[in-house]
Protein backbone atom coordinates (compact mmCIF):
# COMPACT_ATOMS: atom_id res chain seq x y z
CA MET A 1 -193.36 68.55 74.40
CA PRO A 2 -192.70 68.89 70.67
CA THR A 3 -193.73 72.11 69.02
CA SER A 4 -193.17 73.48 65.57
CA ARG A 5 -189.84 74.90 66.80
CA SER A 6 -188.63 71.89 68.79
CA PRO A 7 -190.17 68.82 67.17
CA TYR A 8 -188.22 66.07 68.85
CA PRO A 9 -189.02 64.46 72.18
CA THR A 10 -186.61 64.76 75.06
CA SER A 11 -187.74 61.42 76.44
CA CYS A 12 -190.81 59.40 75.67
CA SER A 13 -191.18 55.74 76.57
CA THR A 14 -194.70 55.53 75.14
CA PRO A 15 -195.05 55.46 71.36
CA ARG A 16 -196.95 58.37 69.95
CA ILE A 17 -199.77 58.57 67.48
CA CYS A 18 -200.27 61.43 65.07
CA LEU A 19 -203.55 62.68 63.66
CA ALA A 20 -203.41 64.52 60.31
CA CYS A 21 -205.86 67.36 60.95
CA HIS A 22 -207.54 70.36 59.45
CA GLY A 23 -209.03 72.35 62.29
CA GLY A 24 -210.55 70.06 64.90
CA ARG A 25 -211.10 67.16 62.48
CA LEU A 26 -209.02 64.76 60.45
CA ALA A 27 -208.15 66.33 57.12
CA THR A 28 -210.11 64.93 54.19
CA LEU A 29 -206.82 64.25 52.35
CA LEU A 30 -203.48 63.53 54.00
CA GLU A 31 -201.66 66.02 51.80
CA THR A 32 -204.06 68.85 52.71
CA ALA A 33 -203.65 68.49 56.47
CA THR A 34 -202.68 71.76 58.11
CA ALA A 35 -201.76 70.38 61.55
CA PHE A 36 -200.21 67.13 62.67
CA ARG A 37 -201.23 66.53 66.30
CA LEU A 38 -199.25 64.12 68.45
CA TYR A 39 -200.72 62.15 71.34
CA ARG A 40 -199.67 59.40 73.68
CA PHE A 41 -201.86 57.12 75.72
CA GLU A 42 -201.17 57.04 79.44
CA THR A 43 -202.73 54.56 81.84
CA GLU A 44 -206.05 56.39 82.19
CA SER A 45 -205.83 59.26 79.74
CA VAL A 46 -204.76 60.57 76.38
CA VAL A 47 -202.07 63.23 76.55
CA ALA A 48 -201.57 65.86 73.84
CA ASP A 49 -197.87 65.70 73.06
CA GLY A 50 -197.19 68.32 70.38
CA PHE A 51 -198.11 69.48 66.92
CA TRP A 52 -196.61 70.66 63.64
CA PRO A 53 -197.86 72.39 60.54
CA MET A 54 -197.10 70.70 57.22
CA PRO A 55 -193.33 71.13 56.83
CA ALA A 56 -191.79 72.78 53.79
CA GLY A 57 -191.23 70.01 51.27
CA GLY A 58 -194.43 68.16 52.15
CA LEU A 59 -194.89 64.55 53.15
CA ALA A 60 -191.31 63.21 52.91
CA PRO A 61 -189.91 65.64 55.52
CA LEU A 62 -193.00 65.06 57.64
CA ALA A 63 -192.43 61.30 57.62
CA LEU A 64 -188.86 61.75 58.79
CA ARG A 65 -189.92 64.21 61.52
CA LEU A 66 -192.61 61.83 62.81
CA ALA A 67 -190.22 58.87 62.83
CA GLU A 68 -187.62 60.87 64.75
CA ALA A 69 -190.30 61.91 67.25
CA GLY A 70 -191.23 58.30 68.02
CA VAL A 71 -194.56 58.27 66.20
CA ALA A 72 -195.68 54.69 65.66
CA LEU A 73 -199.02 55.37 63.98
CA LEU A 74 -200.38 58.11 61.71
CA VAL A 75 -204.17 58.30 61.34
CA CYS A 76 -205.43 60.29 58.36
CA GLY A 77 -208.17 60.80 55.81
CA ALA A 78 -207.85 59.72 52.20
CA ALA A 79 -204.34 58.85 51.03
CA THR A 80 -202.90 57.22 47.94
CA CYS A 81 -200.11 54.68 47.91
CA CYS A 82 -197.61 57.24 46.67
CA CYS A 83 -198.51 59.53 49.60
CA LEU A 84 -197.93 56.70 52.07
CA THR A 85 -194.54 55.62 50.71
CA PRO A 86 -192.44 58.09 52.75
CA PHE A 87 -194.09 56.95 56.00
CA THR A 88 -193.64 53.27 55.24
CA GLY A 89 -189.98 53.96 54.45
CA GLN A 90 -189.55 55.59 57.87
CA GLY A 91 -191.33 52.81 59.77
CA VAL A 92 -194.44 54.85 60.61
CA ALA A 93 -197.62 52.78 60.21
CA VAL A 94 -200.50 54.64 58.54
CA VAL A 95 -204.23 54.10 58.90
CA PRO A 96 -205.91 56.05 56.08
CA TRP A 97 -209.55 56.63 55.15
CA ILE A 98 -210.62 57.58 58.67
CA VAL A 99 -213.05 60.46 59.30
CA GLY A 100 -214.09 62.30 62.45
CA ASP A 101 -213.22 64.97 64.93
CA VAL A 102 -210.16 64.61 67.14
CA PRO A 103 -211.94 63.44 70.35
CA THR A 104 -213.96 60.85 68.42
CA VAL A 105 -210.88 59.46 66.66
CA LEU A 106 -208.88 59.26 69.90
CA SER A 107 -211.77 57.54 71.65
CA ALA A 108 -212.20 55.03 68.82
CA LEU A 109 -208.48 54.28 68.84
CA ALA A 110 -208.44 53.79 72.61
CA GLN A 111 -211.39 51.39 72.32
CA ASN A 112 -209.88 49.53 69.36
CA ARG A 113 -212.85 50.61 67.22
CA LEU A 114 -211.14 52.72 64.58
CA GLU A 115 -212.87 50.76 61.81
CA THR A 116 -216.16 52.38 62.87
CA LEU A 117 -214.80 55.68 61.51
CA LEU A 118 -214.00 54.53 57.98
CA ALA A 119 -214.95 57.10 55.36
CA PRO A 120 -218.21 56.43 53.51
CA GLY A 121 -217.50 54.07 50.63
CA ALA A 122 -214.11 53.01 52.01
CA ARG A 123 -213.60 49.31 52.36
CA PRO A 124 -211.88 48.14 55.51
CA ALA A 125 -208.35 47.12 54.68
CA ARG A 126 -207.17 43.81 56.03
CA SER A 127 -204.27 45.72 57.51
CA LEU A 128 -206.48 47.99 59.65
CA GLY A 129 -206.95 45.39 62.37
CA ARG A 130 -203.29 44.43 62.18
CA LEU A 131 -202.20 48.06 62.55
CA CYS A 132 -204.46 48.55 65.54
CA ARG A 133 -203.03 45.40 67.15
CA VAL A 134 -199.51 46.70 66.46
CA TRP A 135 -200.46 49.95 68.17
CA GLN A 136 -201.82 48.03 71.17
CA THR A 137 -198.57 46.09 71.47
CA LEU A 138 -196.33 49.14 71.05
CA SER A 139 -198.27 51.26 73.49
CA GLY A 140 -198.58 48.48 76.08
CA ARG A 141 -202.31 49.09 76.23
CA SER A 142 -204.99 46.49 76.59
CA MET A 143 -207.81 47.82 74.44
CA HIS A 144 -211.20 46.21 74.49
CA HIS A 145 -214.44 46.82 72.66
CA GLU A 146 -216.98 48.38 74.97
């Protein structure tokens, strides 16, 4: 399991997701996140799979670390295009403008209902549904609205 000392997986066939957090909630802004929590979806459960603090150097080193750890999707609060560039360059999809506590976000993602957690005033991006479908495909999960 990745930790702040050993961030890379030894073997992981399931793509990971990462939540940019501050305490038990998503951080309001991506760049102010204090913990990056990794998870993977198993057949019937969500498994915590590691965490990191913001690395020295900020978002660019974080993007590289997440890509090397097999993270397919980063879910975060507010983020500007320039903040997202390092992740895009590393092949990590990002879903910004999401709010909520960790269990609520994981549940919404598992149910393919992440759009219900958009920040007040945020407009749903056309790419949100596409990113969630990409996550479904990568994770091998069949997610349905309940």
